[in-house]
PDB file of all heavy atoms in Angstrom:
ATOM      1  N   LEU A   1       0.915  -1.206   0.029  1.00  0.00           N
ATOM      2  CA  LEU A   1      -0.037   0.060   0.047  1.00  0.00           C
ATOM      3  C   LEU A   1       0.962   1.200   0.003  1.00  0.00           C
ATOM      4  O   LEU A   1       0.599   2.158   0.763  1.00  0.00           O
ATOM      5  CB  LEU A   1      -0.913  -0.007   1.184  1.00  0.00           C
ATOM      6  CG  LEU A   1      -1.780  -1.281   1.376  1.00  0.00           C
ATOM      7  CD1 LEU A   1      -2.353  -1.249   2.745  1.00  0.00           C
ATOM      8  CD2 LEU A   1      -2.812  -1.307   0.420  1.00  0.00           C
ATOM      9  N   ALA A   2       1.807   1.317  -0.994  1.00  0.00           N
ATOM     10  CA  ALA A   2       2.780   2.343  -0.978  1.00  0.00           C
ATOM     11  C   ALA A   2       2.110   3.845  -1.072  1.00  0.00           C
ATOM     12  O   ALA A   2       2.827   4.797  -0.700  1.00  0.00           O
ATOM     13  CB  ALA A   2       3.722   2.118  -2.014  1.00  0.00           C
ATOM     14  N   SER A   3       1.018   3.847  -1.657  1.00  0.00           N
ATOM     15  CA  SER A   3       0.370   5.095  -1.927  1.00  0.00           C
ATOM     16  C   SER A   3      -0.523   5.488  -0.665  1.00  0.00           C
ATOM     17  O   SER A   3      -1.061   6.642  -0.777  1.00  0.00           O
ATOM     18  CB  SER A   3      -0.506   5.087  -3.137  1.00  0.00           C
ATOM     19  OG  SER A   3      -1.583   4.126  -2.905  1.00  0.00           O
ATOM     20  N   SER A   4      -0.516   4.803   0.265  1.00  0.00           N
ATOM     21  CA  SER A   4      -1.405   5.136   1.447  1.00  0.00           C
ATOM     22  C   SER A   4      -0.643   5.407   2.752  1.00  0.00           C
ATOM     23  O   SER A   4       0.667   4.888   2.963  1.00  0.00           O
ATOM     24  CB  SER A   4      -2.311   3.757   1.821  1.00  0.00           C
ATOM     25  OG  SER A   4      -3.154   3.563   0.792  1.00  0.00           O
ATOM     26  N   THR A   5      -1.135   6.153   3.570  1.00  0.00           N
ATOM     27  CA  THR A   5      -0.453   6.518   4.945  1.00  0.00           C
ATOM     28  C   THR A   5      -1.144   5.447   5.878  1.00  0.00           C
ATOM     29  O   THR A   5      -2.326   5.445   5.928  1.00  0.00           O
ATOM     30  CB  THR A   5      -0.765   7.894   5.449  1.00  0.00           C
ATOM     31  OG1 THR A   5      -0.289   8.834   4.415  1.00  0.00           O
ATOM     32  CG2 THR A   5      -0.243   8.112   6.810  1.00  0.00           C
ATOM     33  N   LEU A   6      -0.301   4.751   6.628  1.00  0.00           N
ATOM     34  CA  LEU A   6      -0.744   3.735   7.551  1.00  0.00           C
ATOM     35  C   LEU A   6      -0.938   4.404   8.923  1.00  0.00           C
ATOM     36  O   LEU A   6      -0.104   5.093   9.438  1.00  0.00           O
ATOM     37  CB  LEU A   6       0.070   2.504   7.545  1.00  0.00           C
ATOM     38  CG  LEU A   6       0.328   1.936   6.246  1.00  0.00           C
ATOM     39  CD1 LEU A   6       1.238   0.676   6.351  1.00  0.00           C
ATOM     40  CD2 LEU A   6      -1.074   1.312   5.713  1.00  0.00           C
ATOM     41  N   TYR A   7      -2.132   3.911   9.638  1.00  0.00           N
ATOM     42  CA  TYR A   7      -2.297   4.228  11.075  1.00  0.00           C
ATOM     43  C   TYR A   7      -2.398   2.958  11.824  1.00  0.00           C
ATOM     44  O   TYR A   7      -3.408   2.229  11.508  1.00  0.00           O
ATOM     45  CB  TYR A   7      -3.651   5.150  11.103  1.00  0.00           C
ATOM     46  CG  TYR A   7      -3.493   6.528  10.631  1.00  0.00           C
ATOM     47  CD1 TYR A   7      -3.537   6.724   9.296  1.00  0.00           C
ATOM     48  CD2 TYR A   7      -3.320   7.578  11.449  1.00  0.00           C
ATOM     49  CE1 TYR A   7      -3.365   8.082   8.732  1.00  0.00           C
ATOM     50  CE2 TYR A   7      -3.307   8.810  10.990  1.00  0.00           C
ATOM     51  CZ  TYR A   7      -3.177   9.119   9.568  1.00  0.00           C
ATOM     52  OH  TYR A   7      -3.181  10.419   9.137  1.00  0.00           O
ATOM     53  N   PHE A   8      -1.601   2.718  12.698  1.00  0.00           N
ATOM     54  CA  PHE A   8      -1.679   1.415  13.537  1.00  0.00           C
ATOM     55  C   PHE A   8      -2.392   1.689  14.674  1.00  0.00           C
ATOM     56  O   PHE A   8      -2.189   2.504  15.542  1.00  0.00           O
ATOM     57  CB  PHE A   8      -0.192   0.938  13.841  1.00  0.00           C
ATOM     58  CG  PHE A   8      -0.255  -0.388  14.668  1.00  0.00           C
ATOM     59  CD1 PHE A   8      -0.588  -1.564  13.913  1.00  0.00           C
ATOM     60  CD2 PHE A   8      -0.078  -0.482  15.948  1.00  0.00           C
ATOM     61  CE1 PHE A   8      -0.604  -2.734  14.586  1.00  0.00           C
ATOM     62  CE2 PHE A   8      -0.156  -1.725  16.658  1.00  0.00           C
ATOM     63  CZ  PHE A   8      -0.339  -2.795  15.940  1.00  0.00           C
ATOM     64  N   ILE A   9      -3.544   0.948  14.889  1.00  0.00           N
ATOM     65  CA  ILE A   9      -4.619   1.075  15.863  1.00  0.00           C
ATOM     66  C   ILE A   9      -4.393   0.033  16.900  1.00  0.00           C
ATOM     67  O   ILE A   9      -4.478  -1.201  16.665  1.00  0.00           O
ATOM     68  CB  ILE A   9      -5.935   0.981  15.348  1.00  0.00           C
ATOM     69  CG1 ILE A   9      -6.142   2.072  14.161  1.00  0.00           C
ATOM     70  CG2 ILE A   9      -6.927   1.339  16.425  1.00  0.00           C
ATOM     71  CD1 ILE A   9      -7.419   1.789  13.258  1.00  0.00           C
ATOM     72  N   THR A  10      -4.296   0.513  18.226  1.00  0.00           N
ATOM     73  CA  THR A  10      -4.092  -0.560  19.271  1.00  0.00           C
ATOM     74  C   THR A  10      -4.672   0.139  20.566  1.00  0.00           C
ATOM     75  O   THR A  10      -4.995   1.266  20.630  1.00  0.00           O
ATOM     76  CB  THR A  10      -2.634  -1.064  19.477  1.00  0.00           C
ATOM     77  OG1 THR A  10      -2.619  -1.987  20.310  1.00  0.00           O
ATOM     78  CG2 THR A  10      -1.794   0.197  20.028  1.00  0.00           C
ATOM     79  N   GLY A  11      -4.889  -0.699  21.522  1.00  0.00           N
ATOM     80  CA  GLY A  11      -5.293  -0.131  22.922  1.00  0.00           C
ATOM     81  C   GLY A  11      -4.356   0.782  23.551  1.00  0.00           C
ATOM     82  O   GLY A  11      -3.217   0.456  23.436  1.00  0.00           O
ATOM     83  N   ALA A  12      -4.862   1.658  24.297  1.00  0.00           N
ATOM     84  CA  ALA A  12      -3.913   2.511  24.960  1.00  0.00           C
ATOM     85  C   ALA A  12      -3.158   1.817  25.946  1.00  0.00           C
ATOM     86  O   ALA A  12      -1.952   2.163  26.220  1.00  0.00           O
ATOM     87  CB  ALA A  12      -4.571   3.661  25.651  1.00  0.00           C
ATOM     88  N   ASP A  13      -3.691   0.786  26.507  1.00  0.00           N
ATOM     89  CA  ASP A  13      -2.977  -0.024  27.530  1.00  0.00           C
ATOM     90  C   ASP A  13      -1.848  -0.801  26.749  1.00  0.00           C
ATOM     91  O   ASP A  13      -0.699  -1.013  27.368  1.00  0.00           O
ATOM     92  CB  ASP A  13      -3.937  -1.091  28.276  1.00  0.00           C
ATOM     93  CG  ASP A  13      -4.733  -1.909  27.283  1.00  0.00           C
ATOM     94  OD1 ASP A  13      -5.027  -1.378  26.183  1.00  0.00           O
ATOM     95  OD2 ASP A  13      -5.127  -3.034  27.647  1.00  0.00           O
ATOM     96  N   ALA A  14      -1.997  -1.268  25.501  1.00  0.00           N
ATOM     97  CA  ALA A  14      -0.928  -1.967  24.786  1.00  0.00           C
ATOM     98  C   ALA A  14       0.172  -0.914  24.419  1.00  0.00           C
ATOM     99  O   ALA A  14       1.346  -1.290  24.477  1.00  0.00           O
ATOM    100  CB  ALA A  14      -1.584  -2.615  23.658  1.00  0.00           C
ATOM    101  N   LEU A  15      -0.282   0.279  24.080  1.00  0.00           N
ATOM    102  CA  LEU A  15       0.540   1.151  23.615  1.00  0.00           C
ATOM    103  C   LEU A  15       1.539   1.704  24.878  1.00  0.00           C
ATOM    104  O   LEU A  15       2.634   1.995  24.598  1.00  0.00           O
ATOM    105  CB  LEU A  15      -0.187   2.505  23.125  1.00  0.00           C
ATOM    106  CG  LEU A  15       0.615   3.378  22.251  1.00  0.00           C
ATOM    107  CD1 LEU A  15       1.231   2.770  21.035  1.00  0.00           C
ATOM    108  CD2 LEU A  15      -0.410   4.585  21.791  1.00  0.00           C
ATOM    109  N   ALA A  16       1.023   1.568  25.986  1.00  0.00           N
ATOM    110  CA  ALA A  16       1.899   1.964  27.287  1.00  0.00           C
ATOM    111  C   ALA A  16       3.137   1.040  27.264  1.00  0.00           C
ATOM    112  O   ALA A  16       4.157   1.478  27.781  1.00  0.00           O
ATOM    113  CB  ALA A  16       1.053   1.826  28.473  1.00  0.00           C
ATOM    114  N   GLY A  17       3.105  -0.273  26.706  1.00  0.00           N
ATOM    115  CA  GLY A  17       4.185  -1.152  26.699  1.00  0.00           C
ATOM    116  C   GLY A  17       4.908  -1.259  25.503  1.00  0.00           C
ATOM    117  O   GLY A  17       5.504  -2.249  25.191  1.00  0.00           O
ATOM    118  N   ILE A  18       4.659  -0.351  24.576  1.00  0.00           N
ATOM    119  CA  ILE A  18       5.239  -0.416  23.153  1.00  0.00           C
ATOM    120  C   ILE A  18       6.722  -0.588  23.141  1.00  0.00           C
ATOM    121  O   ILE A  18       7.225  -1.235  22.201  1.00  0.00           O
ATOM    122  CB  ILE A  18       4.710   0.833  22.234  1.00  0.00           C
ATOM    123  CG1 ILE A  18       5.054   0.355  20.785  1.00  0.00           C
ATOM    124  CG2 ILE A  18       5.397   2.049  22.738  1.00  0.00           C
ATOM    125  CD1 ILE A  18       4.523   1.405  19.798  1.00  0.00           C
ATOM    126  N   GLU A  19       7.378   0.001  24.101  1.00  0.00           N
ATOM    127  CA  GLU A  19       8.790  -0.159  24.071  1.00  0.00           C
ATOM    128  C   GLU A  19       9.234  -1.486  24.489  1.00  0.00           C
ATOM    129  O   GLU A  19      10.621  -1.821  24.329  1.00  0.00           O
ATOM    130  CB  GLU A  19       9.409   0.868  25.096  1.00  0.00           C
ATOM    131  CG  GLU A  19       9.177   2.197  24.668  1.00  0.00           C
ATOM    132  CD  GLU A  19       9.864   3.433  25.553  1.00  0.00           C
ATOM    133  OE1 GLU A  19      10.491   3.016  26.403  1.00  0.00           O
ATOM    134  OE2 GLU A  19       9.643   4.512  25.244  1.00  0.00           O
ATOM    135  N   THR A  20       8.326  -2.420  24.677  1.00  0.00           N
ATOM    136  CA  THR A  20       8.780  -3.892  24.929  1.00  0.00           C
ATOM    137  C   THR A  20       8.633  -4.599  23.573  1.00  0.00           C
ATOM    138  O   THR A  20       8.915  -5.809  23.426  1.00  0.00           O
ATOM    139  CB  THR A  20       7.998  -4.525  25.982  1.00  0.00           C
ATOM    140  OG1 THR A  20       6.604  -4.619  25.623  1.00  0.00           O
ATOM    141  CG2 THR A  20       8.047  -3.830  27.193  1.00  0.00           C
ATOM    142  N   TRP A  21       8.073  -3.905  22.540  1.00  0.00           N
ATOM    143  CA  TRP A  21       7.760  -4.596  21.312  1.00  0.00           C
ATOM    144  C   TRP A  21       9.107  -4.852  20.481  1.00  0.00           C
ATOM    145  O   TRP A  21      10.029  -3.995  20.433  1.00  0.00           O
ATOM    146  CB  TRP A  21       6.701  -3.822  20.300  1.00  0.00           C
ATOM    147  CG  TRP A  21       5.299  -3.625  21.039  1.00  0.00           C
ATOM    148  CD1 TRP A  21       4.993  -3.907  22.298  1.00  0.00           C
ATOM    149  CD2 TRP A  21       4.177  -3.198  20.440  1.00  0.00           C
ATOM    150  NE1 TRP A  21       3.740  -3.734  22.492  1.00  0.00           N
ATOM    151  CE2 TRP A  21       3.223  -3.186  21.362  1.00  0.00           C
ATOM    152  CE3 TRP A  21       3.977  -2.734  19.082  1.00  0.00           C
ATOM    153  CZ2 TRP A  21       1.877  -2.817  21.071  1.00  0.00           C
ATOM    154  CZ3 TRP A  21       2.673  -2.303  18.817  1.00  0.00           C
ATOM    155  CH2 TRP A  21       1.723  -2.255  19.740  1.00  0.00           C
ATOM    156  N   TYR A  22       9.016  -5.873  19.506  1.00  0.00           N
ATOM    157  CA  TYR A  22      10.188  -6.127  18.770  1.00  0.00           C
ATOM    158  C   TYR A  22      10.389  -5.012  17.748  1.00  0.00           C
ATOM    159  O   TYR A  22       9.452  -4.589  17.055  1.00  0.00           O
ATOM    160  CB  TYR A  22       9.885  -7.396  18.028  1.00  0.00           C
ATOM    161  CG  TYR A  22      11.002  -7.933  17.161  1.00  0.00           C
ATOM    162  CD1 TYR A  22      12.227  -8.188  17.659  1.00  0.00           C
ATOM    163  CD2 TYR A  22      10.736  -8.046  15.795  1.00  0.00           C
ATOM    164  CE1 TYR A  22      13.277  -8.751  16.703  1.00  0.00           C
ATOM    165  CE2 TYR A  22      11.703  -8.507  14.929  1.00  0.00           C
ATOM    166  CZ  TYR A  22      13.027  -8.903  15.364  1.00  0.00           C
ATOM    167  OH  TYR A  22      13.936  -9.254  14.547  1.00  0.00           O
ATOM    168  N   ARG A  23      11.548  -4.392  17.797  1.00  0.00           N
ATOM    169  CA  ARG A  23      12.031  -3.374  16.842  1.00  0.00           C
ATOM    170  C   ARG A  23      10.884  -2.234  16.868  1.00  0.00           C
ATOM    171  O   ARG A  23      10.570  -1.645  15.820  1.00  0.00           O
ATOM    172  CB  ARG A  23      12.221  -3.845  15.452  1.00  0.00           C
ATOM    173  CG  ARG A  23      13.459  -4.715  15.313  1.00  0.00           C
ATOM    174  CD  ARG A  23      13.444  -5.647  14.144  1.00  0.00           C
ATOM    175  NE  ARG A  23      13.235  -4.947  12.805  1.00  0.00           N
ATOM    176  CZ  ARG A  23      12.989  -5.616  11.714  1.00  0.00           C
ATOM    177  NH1 ARG A  23      12.836  -6.875  11.679  1.00  0.00           N
ATOM    178  NH2 ARG A  23      12.828  -4.810  10.679  1.00  0.00           N
ATOM    179  N   TYR A  24      10.629  -1.835  18.185  1.00  0.00           N
ATOM    180  CA  TYR A  24       9.480  -0.785  18.212  1.00  0.00           C
ATOM    181  C   TYR A  24       9.885   0.565  17.612  1.00  0.00           C
ATOM    182  O   TYR A  24       9.006   1.289  17.171  1.00  0.00           O
ATOM    183  CB  TYR A  24       9.159  -0.609  19.733  1.00  0.00           C
ATOM    184  CG  TYR A  24      10.107   0.123  20.534  1.00  0.00           C
ATOM    185  CD1 TYR A  24      10.067   1.489  20.625  1.00  0.00           C
ATOM    186  CD2 TYR A  24      11.209  -0.508  21.125  1.00  0.00           C
ATOM    187  CE1 TYR A  24      10.997   2.338  21.380  1.00  0.00           C
ATOM    188  CE2 TYR A  24      12.007   0.094  21.926  1.00  0.00           C
ATOM    189  CZ  TYR A  24      11.985   1.522  22.067  1.00  0.00           C
ATOM    190  OH  TYR A  24      12.879   2.178  22.814  1.00  0.00           O
ATOM    191  N   GLU A  25      11.186   0.849  17.500  1.00  0.00           N
ATOM    192  CA  GLU A  25      11.673   2.242  16.994  1.00  0.00           C
ATOM    193  C   GLU A  25      11.237   2.320  15.566  1.00  0.00           C
ATOM    194  O   GLU A  25      10.883   3.402  15.024  1.00  0.00           O
ATOM    195  CB  GLU A  25      13.037   2.376  17.109  1.00  0.00           C
ATOM    196  CG  GLU A  25      13.614   2.214  18.565  1.00  0.00           C
ATOM    197  CD  GLU A  25      14.164   0.918  18.734  1.00  0.00           C
ATOM    198  OE1 GLU A  25      13.709  -0.023  18.146  1.00  0.00           O
ATOM    199  OE2 GLU A  25      15.045   0.765  19.612  1.00  0.00           O
ATOM    200  N   GLU A  26      11.252   1.240  14.856  1.00  0.00           N
ATOM    201  CA  GLU A  26      10.969   1.295  13.420  1.00  0.00           C
ATOM    202  C   GLU A  26       9.304   1.332  13.026  1.00  0.00           C
ATOM    203  O   GLU A  26       8.990   1.807  12.057  1.00  0.00           O
ATOM    204  CB  GLU A  26      11.269  -0.043  12.693  1.00  0.00           C
ATOM    205  CG  GLU A  26      12.941  -0.132  12.681  1.00  0.00           C
ATOM    206  CD  GLU A  26      13.326  -1.506  12.113  1.00  0.00           C
ATOM    207  OE1 GLU A  26      12.850  -1.835  11.056  1.00  0.00           O
ATOM    208  OE2 GLU A  26      14.103  -2.230  12.818  1.00  0.00           O
ATOM    209  N   ILE A  27       8.512   0.990  14.080  1.00  0.00           N
ATOM    210  CA  ILE A  27       7.138   0.957  13.981  1.00  0.00           C
ATOM    211  C   ILE A  27       6.675   2.363  13.661  1.00  0.00           C
ATOM    212  O   ILE A  27       5.819   2.584  12.709  1.00  0.00           O
ATOM    213  CB  ILE A  27       6.374   0.326  15.044  1.00  0.00           C
ATOM    214  CG1 ILE A  27       6.705  -1.060  15.225  1.00  0.00           C
ATOM    215  CG2 ILE A  27       4.855   0.623  15.078  1.00  0.00           C
ATOM    216  CD1 ILE A  27       6.090  -1.806  16.493  1.00  0.00           C
ATOM    217  N   VAL A  28       7.134   3.416  14.391  1.00  0.00           N
ATOM    218  CA  VAL A  28       6.797   4.705  14.130  1.00  0.00           C
ATOM    219  C   VAL A  28       7.097   5.291  12.873  1.00  0.00           C
ATOM    220  O   VAL A  28       6.697   6.378  12.532  1.00  0.00           O
ATOM    221  CB  VAL A  28       7.058   5.673  15.335  1.00  0.00           C
ATOM    222  CG1 VAL A  28       6.490   5.209  16.592  1.00  0.00           C
ATOM    223  CG2 VAL A  28       8.578   5.634  15.587  1.00  0.00           C
ATOM    224  N   GLU A  29       8.235   4.742  12.154  1.00  0.00           N
ATOM    225  CA  GLU A  29       8.714   5.133  10.966  1.00  0.00           C
ATOM    226  C   GLU A  29       7.677   4.689   9.835  1.00  0.00           C
ATOM    227  O   GLU A  29       7.632   5.318   8.836  1.00  0.00           O
ATOM    228  CB  GLU A  29      10.025   4.718  10.661  1.00  0.00           C
ATOM    229  CG  GLU A  29      11.154   5.140  11.634  1.00  0.00           C
ATOM    230  CD  GLU A  29      12.474   4.630  11.392  1.00  0.00           C
ATOM    231  OE1 GLU A  29      12.675   3.839  10.396  1.00  0.00           O
ATOM    232  OE2 GLU A  29      13.274   4.790  12.351  1.00  0.00           O
ATOM    233  N   LEU A  30       6.983   3.710  10.180  1.00  0.00           N
ATOM    234  CA  LEU A  30       6.103   3.116   9.126  1.00  0.00           C
ATOM    235  C   LEU A  30       4.622   3.487   9.247  1.00  0.00           C
ATOM    236  O   LEU A  30       3.859   3.327   8.216  1.00  0.00           O
ATOM    237  CB  LEU A  30       6.256   1.536   9.061  1.00  0.00           C
ATOM    238  CG  LEU A  30       7.571   0.930   8.569  1.00  0.00           C
ATOM    239  CD1 LEU A  30       7.619  -0.577   8.904  1.00  0.00           C
ATOM    240  CD2 LEU A  30       7.822   1.245   7.104  1.00  0.00           C
ATOM    241  N   ALA A  31       4.151   3.753  10.475  1.00  0.00           N
ATOM    242  CA  ALA A  31       2.823   4.073  10.673  1.00  0.00           C
ATOM    243  C   ALA A  31       2.603   5.122  11.754  1.00  0.00           C
ATOM    244  O   ALA A  31       3.549   5.046  12.718  1.00  0.00           O
ATOM    245  CB  ALA A  31       1.975   2.730  10.966  1.00  0.00           C
ATOM    246  N   HIS A  32       1.539   5.873  11.743  1.00  0.00           N
ATOM    247  CA  HIS A  32       1.185   6.744  12.757  1.00  0.00           C
ATOM    248  C   HIS A  32       0.526   5.820  13.842  1.00  0.00           C
ATOM    249  O   HIS A  32      -0.305   5.004  13.507  1.00  0.00           O
ATOM    250  CB  HIS A  32       0.120   7.688  12.426  1.00  0.00           C
ATOM    251  CG  HIS A  32       0.725   8.703  11.386  1.00  0.00           C
ATOM    252  ND1 HIS A  32       1.521   9.837  11.687  1.00  0.00           N
ATOM    253  CD2 HIS A  32       0.539   8.907   9.927  1.00  0.00           C
ATOM    254  CE1 HIS A  32       1.846  10.489  10.660  1.00  0.00           C
ATOM    255  NE2 HIS A  32       1.244  10.034   9.602  1.00  0.00           N
ATOM    256  N   LEU A  33       0.872   6.005  15.114  1.00  0.00           N
ATOM    257  CA  LEU A  33       0.254   5.305  16.192  1.00  0.00           C
ATOM    258  C   LEU A  33      -1.094   5.831  16.657  1.00  0.00           C
ATOM    259  O   LEU A  33      -1.156   7.010  16.828  1.00  0.00           O
ATOM    260  CB  LEU A  33       1.238   5.111  17.382  1.00  0.00           C
ATOM    261  CG  LEU A  33       2.566   4.478  17.088  1.00  0.00           C
ATOM    262  CD1 LEU A  33       3.403   4.375  18.404  1.00  0.00           C
ATOM    263  CD2 LEU A  33       2.327   3.014  16.559  1.00  0.00           C
TER     264      LEU A  33
END
């Protein structure tokens, strides 16, 4: 979906632990949280 902007949707509680996610720094480069 190269022509689309991605928005990754998750629970605020899950987002609170995002720094435990695998390669989390790259996630914000690919999608708006």
